[in-house]
Amino acid sequence: MNREIACEVYRRLLAHYPIVGGKRHFIDFDSPFESLILTILSAQTTDRAVNAIRDDLFSRYPTPEALARAEPEEVEPLIRSIGFHRSKARYIVGTARKLISDFGGEVPRTIAELQSLPGVGRKTANIVLSHAFGINVGIAVDTHVRRVSKRIGFTDSTNPDIIERDLMALFPEEAWKNINYLLISFGREICTAKNPKHEKCCVADICQCYRDLRAGGEK
């Protein structure tokens, strides 16, 4: 797919999913620290489940210092409703301790520094930089972004690192901050994993998946 067609997809999705008040995230947070911790917790868990434990978690541990003093076993009951809560309790306590020991209690602002924290990979680092600081040096690739990008024709790969590079090459840098939000919104509502709603798709006429389907190909 060339940039002209990709940007037309982007314009249509932006019109369909307007960004109100600059909010491009699905997790509720009030600080970079909260954004970081909740994004770590969101792996393989719904945003709704993460938002549901937010108040209890941060009323008990409102700062990196408070969370760093906790033991993972103390945190586990507060996040028990989300997936992999034991390992995630270790991650967020370990992250809080590293924030104190290595970063003066502040959330770092580079991909490399964020990835040095327990439980933080490139996707999480991209999300935190974009949502908490408005820094967009890449594009977070999650399950929805991977599926939608492949179907529309933005990429031929299923590898998140390659998909990110393909998206960054297709779209101008000023659009990077919105790509994750738009593709997740579209993937949840229309381009679902099972039974995508082709009849309601605003980009069906320029979607590779739909063209293949019309030509007798597989979904």
C-alpha atoms as a PDB file:
ATOM      1  CA  MET A   1       0.000   0.000   0.000  1.00  0.00           C
ATOM      2  CA  ASN A   2       1.262   3.465  -0.822  1.00  0.00           C
ATOM      3  CA  ARG A   3       1.164   6.498   1.459  1.00  0.00           C
ATOM      4  CA  GLU A   4      -1.661   8.204  -0.432  1.00  0.00           C
ATOM      5  CA  ILE A   5      -4.064   5.298   0.134  1.00  0.00           C
ATOM      6  CA  ALA A   6      -2.868   4.815   3.718  1.00  0.00           C
ATOM      7  CA  CYS A   7      -3.532   8.477   4.482  1.00  0.00           C
ATOM      8  CA  GLU A   8      -7.018   8.183   2.983  1.00  0.00           C
ATOM      9  CA  VAL A   9      -7.695   5.300   5.391  1.00  0.00           C
ATOM     10  CA  TYR A  10      -6.368   7.480   8.203  1.00  0.00           C
ATOM     11  CA  ARG A  11      -8.631  10.413   7.259  1.00  0.00           C
ATOM     12  CA  ARG A  12     -11.715   8.201   7.149  1.00  0.00           C
ATOM     13  CA  LEU A  13     -10.967   6.563  10.477  1.00  0.00           C
ATOM     14  CA  LEU A  14     -10.273   9.925  12.101  1.00  0.00           C
ATOM     15  CA  ALA A  15     -13.630  11.187  10.840  1.00  0.00           C
ATOM     16  CA  HIS A  16     -15.348   8.074  12.193  1.00  0.00           C
ATOM     17  CA  TYR A  17     -13.534   8.133  15.550  1.00  0.00           C
ATOM     18  CA  PRO A  18     -12.981  11.824  16.322  1.00  0.00           C
ATOM     19  CA  ILE A  19     -10.537  12.566  19.108  1.00  0.00           C
ATOM     20  CA  VAL A  20     -12.310  14.685  21.699  1.00  0.00           C
ATOM     21  CA  GLY A  21     -10.258  16.788  24.082  1.00  0.00           C
ATOM     22  CA  GLY A  22      -7.052  15.157  22.905  1.00  0.00           C
ATOM     23  CA  LYS A  23      -7.888  11.882  24.655  1.00  0.00           C
ATOM     24  CA  ARG A  24      -6.386   8.986  22.711  1.00  0.00           C
ATOM     25  CA  HIS A  25      -6.322   6.379  25.445  1.00  0.00           C
ATOM     26  CA  PHE A  26      -8.696   3.846  26.946  1.00  0.00           C
ATOM     27  CA  ILE A  27      -7.128   3.631  30.411  1.00  0.00           C
ATOM     28  CA  ASP A  28      -7.980   6.306  32.980  1.00  0.00           C
ATOM     29  CA  PHE A  29      -4.943   7.907  34.608  1.00  0.00           C
ATOM     30  CA  ASP A  30      -4.004  11.165  36.287  1.00  0.00           C
ATOM     31  CA  SER A  31      -0.202  11.073  36.114  1.00  0.00           C
ATOM     32  CA  PRO A  32       2.676   9.486  34.192  1.00  0.00           C
ATOM     33  CA  PHE A  33       3.166   7.103  37.126  1.00  0.00           C
ATOM     34  CA  GLU A  34      -0.433   5.912  36.910  1.00  0.00           C
ATOM     35  CA  SER A  35      -0.180   5.609  33.128  1.00  0.00           C
ATOM     36  CA  LEU A  36       2.921   3.445  33.443  1.00  0.00           C
ATOM     37  CA  ILE A  37       1.568   1.138  36.146  1.00  0.00           C
ATOM     38  CA  LEU A  38      -1.836   0.683  34.525  1.00  0.00           C
ATOM     39  CA  THR A  39      -0.329   0.022  31.110  1.00  0.00           C
ATOM     40  CA  ILE A  40       1.860  -2.702  32.594  1.00  0.00           C
ATOM     41  CA  LEU A  41      -1.250  -4.188  34.194  1.00  0.00           C
ATOM     42  CA  SER A  42      -3.236  -4.004  30.945  1.00  0.00           C
ATOM     43  CA  ALA A  43      -1.253  -6.736  29.175  1.00  0.00           C
ATOM     44  CA  GLN A  44      -3.600  -9.579  28.195  1.00  0.00           C
ATOM     45  CA  THR A  45      -6.398  -7.892  30.147  1.00  0.00           C
ATOM     46  CA  THR A  46      -9.248  -5.602  29.143  1.00  0.00           C
ATOM     47  CA  ASP A  47      -9.010  -1.880  29.755  1.00  0.00           C
ATOM     48  CA  ARG A  48     -12.299  -2.091  31.644  1.00  0.00           C
ATOM     49  CA  ALA A  49     -10.802  -4.564  34.109  1.00  0.00           C
ATOM     50  CA  VAL A  50      -7.758  -2.344  34.639  1.00  0.00           C
ATOM     51  CA  ASN A  51      -9.866   0.779  35.151  1.00  0.00           C
ATOM     52  CA  ALA A  52     -11.953  -1.122  37.696  1.00  0.00           C
ATOM     53  CA  ILE A  53      -8.968  -1.700  40.022  1.00  0.00           C
ATOM     54  CA  ARG A  54      -7.420   1.734  39.528  1.00  0.00           C
ATOM     55  CA  ASP A  55      -8.967   3.565  42.483  1.00  0.00           C
ATOM     56  CA  ASP A  56      -8.270   0.842  45.033  1.00  0.00           C
ATOM     57  CA  LEU A  57      -4.681   0.443  43.857  1.00  0.00           C
ATOM     58  CA  PHE A  58      -3.738   4.114  43.877  1.00  0.00           C
ATOM     59  CA  SER A  59      -5.617   4.991  47.044  1.00  0.00           C
ATOM     60  CA  ARG A  60      -3.305   2.482  48.729  1.00  0.00           C
ATOM     61  CA  TYR A  61      -0.175   3.249  46.687  1.00  0.00           C
ATOM     62  CA  PRO A  62      -0.492   6.766  45.256  1.00  0.00           C
ATOM     63  CA  THR A  63       3.209   7.333  44.520  1.00  0.00           C
ATOM     64  CA  PRO A  64       6.252   5.380  43.357  1.00  0.00           C
ATOM     65  CA  GLU A  65       7.632   5.678  46.875  1.00  0.00           C
ATOM     66  CA  ALA A  66       4.560   4.069  48.413  1.00  0.00           C
ATOM     67  CA  LEU A  67       4.461   1.227  45.895  1.00  0.00           C
ATOM     68  CA  ALA A  68       8.211   0.642  46.229  1.00  0.00           C
ATOM     69  CA  ARG A  69       7.787   0.004  49.953  1.00  0.00           C
ATOM     70  CA  ALA A  70       5.182  -2.708  49.316  1.00  0.00           C
ATOM     71  CA  GLU A  71       5.757  -6.405  48.840  1.00  0.00           C
ATOM     72  CA  PRO A  72       4.173  -8.051  45.786  1.00  0.00           C
ATOM     73  CA  GLU A  73       2.099 -10.262  48.075  1.00  0.00           C
ATOM     74  CA  GLU A  74       0.503  -7.119  49.533  1.00  0.00           C
ATOM     75  CA  VAL A  75      -0.403  -5.820  46.092  1.00  0.00           C
ATOM     76  CA  GLU A  76      -1.834  -9.065  44.720  1.00  0.00           C
ATOM     77  CA  PRO A  77      -5.264  -8.826  46.408  1.00  0.00           C
ATOM     78  CA  LEU A  78      -5.834  -5.381  44.897  1.00  0.00           C
ATOM     79  CA  ILE A  79      -5.259  -6.614  41.324  1.00  0.00           C
ATOM     80  CA  ARG A  80      -6.525 -10.178  41.668  1.00  0.00           C
ATOM     81  CA  SER A  81      -9.348  -9.584  39.166  1.00  0.00           C
ATOM     82  CA  ILE A  82      -6.968  -9.042  36.241  1.00  0.00           C
ATOM     83  CA  GLY A  83      -5.006 -11.699  34.401  1.00  0.00           C
ATOM     84  CA  PHE A  84      -1.590 -12.865  35.625  1.00  0.00           C
ATOM     85  CA  HIS A  85      -1.965 -10.820  38.796  1.00  0.00           C
ATOM     86  CA  ARG A  86       0.936 -12.463  40.644  1.00  0.00           C
ATOM     87  CA  SER A  87       3.549 -11.735  37.986  1.00  0.00           C
ATOM     88  CA  LYS A  88       2.101  -8.275  37.418  1.00  0.00           C
ATOM     89  CA  ALA A  89       2.324  -7.495  41.136  1.00  0.00           C
ATOM     90  CA  ARG A  90       6.043  -8.318  40.943  1.00  0.00           C
ATOM     91  CA  TYR A  91       6.432  -6.166  37.840  1.00  0.00           C
ATOM     92  CA  ILE A  92       4.805  -3.044  39.232  1.00  0.00           C
ATOM     93  CA  VAL A  93       6.553  -3.237  42.597  1.00  0.00           C
ATOM     94  CA  GLY A  94       9.858  -3.838  40.809  1.00  0.00           C
ATOM     95  CA  THR A  95       9.144  -0.925  38.474  1.00  0.00           C
ATOM     96  CA  ALA A  96       8.373   1.401  41.404  1.00  0.00           C
ATOM     97  CA  ARG A  97      11.612   0.406  43.104  1.00  0.00           C
ATOM     98  CA  LYS A  98      13.613   1.015  39.938  1.00  0.00           C
ATOM     99  CA  LEU A  99      11.943   4.392  39.462  1.00  0.00           C
ATOM    100  CA  ILE A 100      13.201   5.333  42.928  1.00  0.00           C
ATOM    101  CA  SER A 101      16.679   3.853  42.610  1.00  0.00           C
ATOM    102  CA  ASP A 102      17.469   4.839  39.003  1.00  0.00           C
ATOM    103  CA  PHE A 103      15.224   7.747  38.019  1.00  0.00           C
ATOM    104  CA  GLY A 104      14.655   9.836  41.127  1.00  0.00           C
ATOM    105  CA  GLY A 105      11.062   8.676  41.411  1.00  0.00           C
ATOM    106  CA  GLU A 106      10.166  10.059  37.976  1.00  0.00           C
ATOM    107  CA  VAL A 107       8.885   8.125  34.965  1.00  0.00           C
ATOM    108  CA  PRO A 108      11.613   8.250  32.298  1.00  0.00           C
ATOM    109  CA  ARG A 109      10.948   9.744  28.874  1.00  0.00           C
ATOM    110  CA  THR A 110      12.867   7.501  26.498  1.00  0.00           C
ATOM    111  CA  ILE A 111      12.076   4.108  24.987  1.00  0.00           C
ATOM    112  CA  ALA A 112      15.345   2.597  26.225  1.00  0.00           C
ATOM    113  CA  GLU A 113      14.917   3.791  29.809  1.00  0.00           C
ATOM    114  CA  LEU A 114      11.294   2.678  29.971  1.00  0.00           C
ATOM    115  CA  GLN A 115      12.226  -0.749  28.622  1.00  0.00           C
ATOM    116  CA  SER A 116      14.699  -1.136  31.481  1.00  0.00           C
ATOM    117  CA  LEU A 117      11.719  -1.348  33.862  1.00  0.00           C
ATOM    118  CA  PRO A 118      10.201  -4.724  34.810  1.00  0.00           C
ATOM    119  CA  GLY A 119       7.237  -5.671  32.648  1.00  0.00           C
ATOM    120  CA  VAL A 120       7.834  -2.931  30.081  1.00  0.00           C
ATOM    121  CA  GLY A 121       8.347  -3.853  26.440  1.00  0.00           C
ATOM    122  CA  ARG A 122       8.387  -1.615  23.395  1.00  0.00           C
ATOM    123  CA  LYS A 123       4.589  -1.522  23.083  1.00  0.00           C
ATOM    124  CA  THR A 124       4.147  -0.380  26.685  1.00  0.00           C
ATOM    125  CA  ALA A 125       6.969   2.134  26.351  1.00  0.00           C
ATOM    126  CA  ASN A 126       5.388   3.635  23.220  1.00  0.00           C
ATOM    127  CA  ILE A 127       2.006   3.899  24.924  1.00  0.00           C
ATOM    128  CA  VAL A 128       3.378   5.597  28.039  1.00  0.00           C
ATOM    129  CA  LEU A 129       5.476   8.070  26.070  1.00  0.00           C
ATOM    130  CA  SER A 130       2.550   8.993  23.836  1.00  0.00           C
ATOM    131  CA  HIS A 131      -0.228   9.099  26.404  1.00  0.00           C
ATOM    132  CA  ALA A 132       1.616  10.481  29.423  1.00  0.00           C
ATOM    133  CA  PHE A 133       4.051  12.849  27.723  1.00  0.00           C
ATOM    134  CA  GLY A 134       2.850  13.429  24.166  1.00  0.00           C
ATOM    135  CA  ILE A 135       6.122  11.988  22.861  1.00  0.00           C
ATOM    136  CA  ASN A 136       5.672   9.905  19.723  1.00  0.00           C
ATOM    137  CA  VAL A 137       8.817   8.153  18.536  1.00  0.00           C
ATOM    138  CA  GLY A 138       7.012   5.007  17.424  1.00  0.00           C
ATOM    139  CA  ILE A 139       3.608   3.334  17.178  1.00  0.00           C
ATOM    140  CA  ALA A 140       2.360   0.830  19.749  1.00  0.00           C
ATOM    141  CA  VAL A 141       1.353  -2.453  18.108  1.00  0.00           C
ATOM    142  CA  ASP A 142      -1.119  -4.556  20.060  1.00  0.00           C
ATOM    143  CA  THR A 143      -3.458  -7.362  18.972  1.00  0.00           C
ATOM    144  CA  HIS A 144      -5.956  -5.011  17.323  1.00  0.00           C
ATOM    145  CA  VAL A 145      -3.314  -2.951  15.527  1.00  0.00           C
ATOM    146  CA  ARG A 146      -1.634  -6.118  14.263  1.00  0.00           C
ATOM    147  CA  ARG A 147      -4.866  -7.639  12.949  1.00  0.00           C
ATOM    148  CA  VAL A 148      -6.250  -4.477  11.344  1.00  0.00           C
ATOM    149  CA  SER A 149      -2.927  -3.478   9.777  1.00  0.00           C
ATOM    150  CA  LYS A 150      -2.589  -6.877   8.105  1.00  0.00           C
ATOM    151  CA  ARG A 151      -6.173  -6.923   6.865  1.00  0.00           C
ATOM    152  CA  ILE A 152      -6.220  -3.415   5.442  1.00  0.00           C
ATOM    153  CA  GLY A 153      -2.878  -3.958   3.758  1.00  0.00           C
ATOM    154  CA  PHE A 154      -0.565  -1.678   5.728  1.00  0.00           C
ATOM    155  CA  THR A 155       1.825  -4.605   6.230  1.00  0.00           C
ATOM    156  CA  ASP A 156       2.449  -8.182   5.151  1.00  0.00           C
ATOM    157  CA  SER A 157       3.959  -9.115   8.502  1.00  0.00           C
ATOM    158  CA  THR A 158       2.586 -10.420  11.795  1.00  0.00           C
ATOM    159  CA  ASN A 159       5.735  -9.396  13.688  1.00  0.00           C
ATOM    160  CA  PRO A 160       4.992  -6.345  15.884  1.00  0.00           C
ATOM    161  CA  ASP A 161       8.413  -4.778  15.323  1.00  0.00           C
ATOM    162  CA  ILE A 162       8.099  -5.046  11.540  1.00  0.00           C
ATOM    163  CA  ILE A 163       4.506  -3.811  11.625  1.00  0.00           C
ATOM    164  CA  GLU A 164       5.600  -0.772  13.627  1.00  0.00           C
ATOM    165  CA  ARG A 165       8.292   0.037  11.073  1.00  0.00           C
ATOM    166  CA  ASP A 166       5.824  -0.406   8.199  1.00  0.00           C
ATOM    167  CA  LEU A 167       3.306   1.925   9.843  1.00  0.00           C
ATOM    168  CA  MET A 168       5.960   4.529  10.588  1.00  0.00           C
ATOM    169  CA  ALA A 169       7.040   4.442   6.942  1.00  0.00           C
ATOM    170  CA  LEU A 170       3.473   4.773   5.637  1.00  0.00           C
ATOM    171  CA  PHE A 171       2.210   7.606   7.816  1.00  0.00           C
ATOM    172  CA  PRO A 172       3.660  11.074   8.410  1.00  0.00           C
ATOM    173  CA  GLU A 173       5.094  11.587  11.877  1.00  0.00           C
ATOM    174  CA  GLU A 174       2.326  13.950  12.954  1.00  0.00           C
ATOM    175  CA  ALA A 175      -0.161  11.074  12.535  1.00  0.00           C
ATOM    176  CA  TRP A 176       1.723   8.580  14.710  1.00  0.00           C
ATOM    177  CA  LYS A 177       0.077   9.800  17.915  1.00  0.00           C
ATOM    178  CA  ASN A 178      -3.362   8.786  16.608  1.00  0.00           C
ATOM    179  CA  ILE A 179      -2.712   5.504  14.777  1.00  0.00           C
ATOM    180  CA  ASN A 180      -2.930   3.202  17.806  1.00  0.00           C
ATOM    181  CA  TYR A 181      -6.174   4.788  19.043  1.00  0.00           C
ATOM    182  CA  LEU A 182      -7.836   4.712  15.611  1.00  0.00           C
ATOM    183  CA  LEU A 183      -6.919   1.128  14.776  1.00  0.00           C
ATOM    184  CA  ILE A 184      -7.933  -0.161  18.216  1.00  0.00           C
ATOM    185  CA  SER A 185     -11.278   1.661  17.991  1.00  0.00           C
ATOM    186  CA  PHE A 186     -11.857   0.295  14.498  1.00  0.00           C
ATOM    187  CA  GLY A 187     -10.724  -3.200  15.504  1.00  0.00           C
ATOM    188  CA  ARG A 188     -13.085  -3.314  18.461  1.00  0.00           C
ATOM    189  CA  GLU A 189     -16.151  -2.028  16.640  1.00  0.00           C
ATOM    190  CA  ILE A 190     -15.855  -3.095  12.995  1.00  0.00           C
ATOM    191  CA  CYS A 191     -12.740  -5.104  12.124  1.00  0.00           C
ATOM    192  CA  THR A 192     -13.275  -7.664  14.861  1.00  0.00           C
ATOM    193  CA  ALA A 193     -11.271 -10.869  15.147  1.00  0.00           C
ATOM    194  CA  LYS A 194     -14.334 -12.950  14.233  1.00  0.00           C
ATOM    195  CA  ASN A 195     -16.997 -11.915  11.758  1.00  0.00           C
ATOM    196  CA  PRO A 196     -15.707  -8.451  10.790  1.00  0.00           C
ATOM    197  CA  LYS A 197     -18.550  -6.112   9.827  1.00  0.00           C
ATOM    198  CA  HIS A 198     -17.642  -5.475   6.185  1.00  0.00           C
ATOM    199  CA  GLU A 199     -21.054  -3.929   5.472  1.00  0.00           C
ATOM    200  CA  LYS A 200     -20.364  -1.174   8.056  1.00  0.00           C
ATOM    201  CA  CYS A 201     -16.706  -0.626   7.176  1.00  0.00           C
ATOM    202  CA  CYS A 202     -15.824   2.908   6.110  1.00  0.00           C
ATOM    203  CA  VAL A 203     -12.684   1.727   4.299  1.00  0.00           C
ATOM    204  CA  ALA A 204     -14.021  -1.440   2.638  1.00  0.00           C
ATOM    205  CA  ASP A 205     -13.417  -0.108  -0.881  1.00  0.00           C
ATOM    206  CA  ILE A 206      -9.685   0.308  -0.210  1.00  0.00           C
ATOM    207  CA  CYS A 207      -9.181  -2.622   2.176  1.00  0.00           C
ATOM    208  CA  GLN A 208      -7.032  -5.519   0.943  1.00  0.00           C
ATOM    209  CA  CYS A 209      -8.973  -8.051   3.003  1.00  0.00           C
ATOM    210  CA  TYR A 210     -12.298  -6.988   1.504  1.00  0.00           C
ATOM    211  CA  ARG A 211     -10.910  -6.968  -2.018  1.00  0.00           C
ATOM    212  CA  ASP A 212      -9.600 -10.495  -1.502  1.00  0.00           C
ATOM    213  CA  LEU A 213     -12.945 -11.566  -0.061  1.00  0.00           C
ATOM    214  CA  ARG A 214     -14.833 -10.155  -3.037  1.00  0.00           C
ATOM    215  CA  ALA A 215     -12.429 -11.922  -5.348  1.00  0.00           C
ATOM    216  CA  GLY A 216     -13.082 -15.230  -3.621  1.00  0.00           C
ATOM    217  CA  GLY A 217     -10.055 -15.125  -1.305  1.00  0.00           C
ATOM    218  CA  GLU A 218     -10.006 -15.957   2.378  1.00  0.00           C
ATOM    219  CA  LYS A 219     -10.635 -13.473   5.172  1.00  0.00           C
END
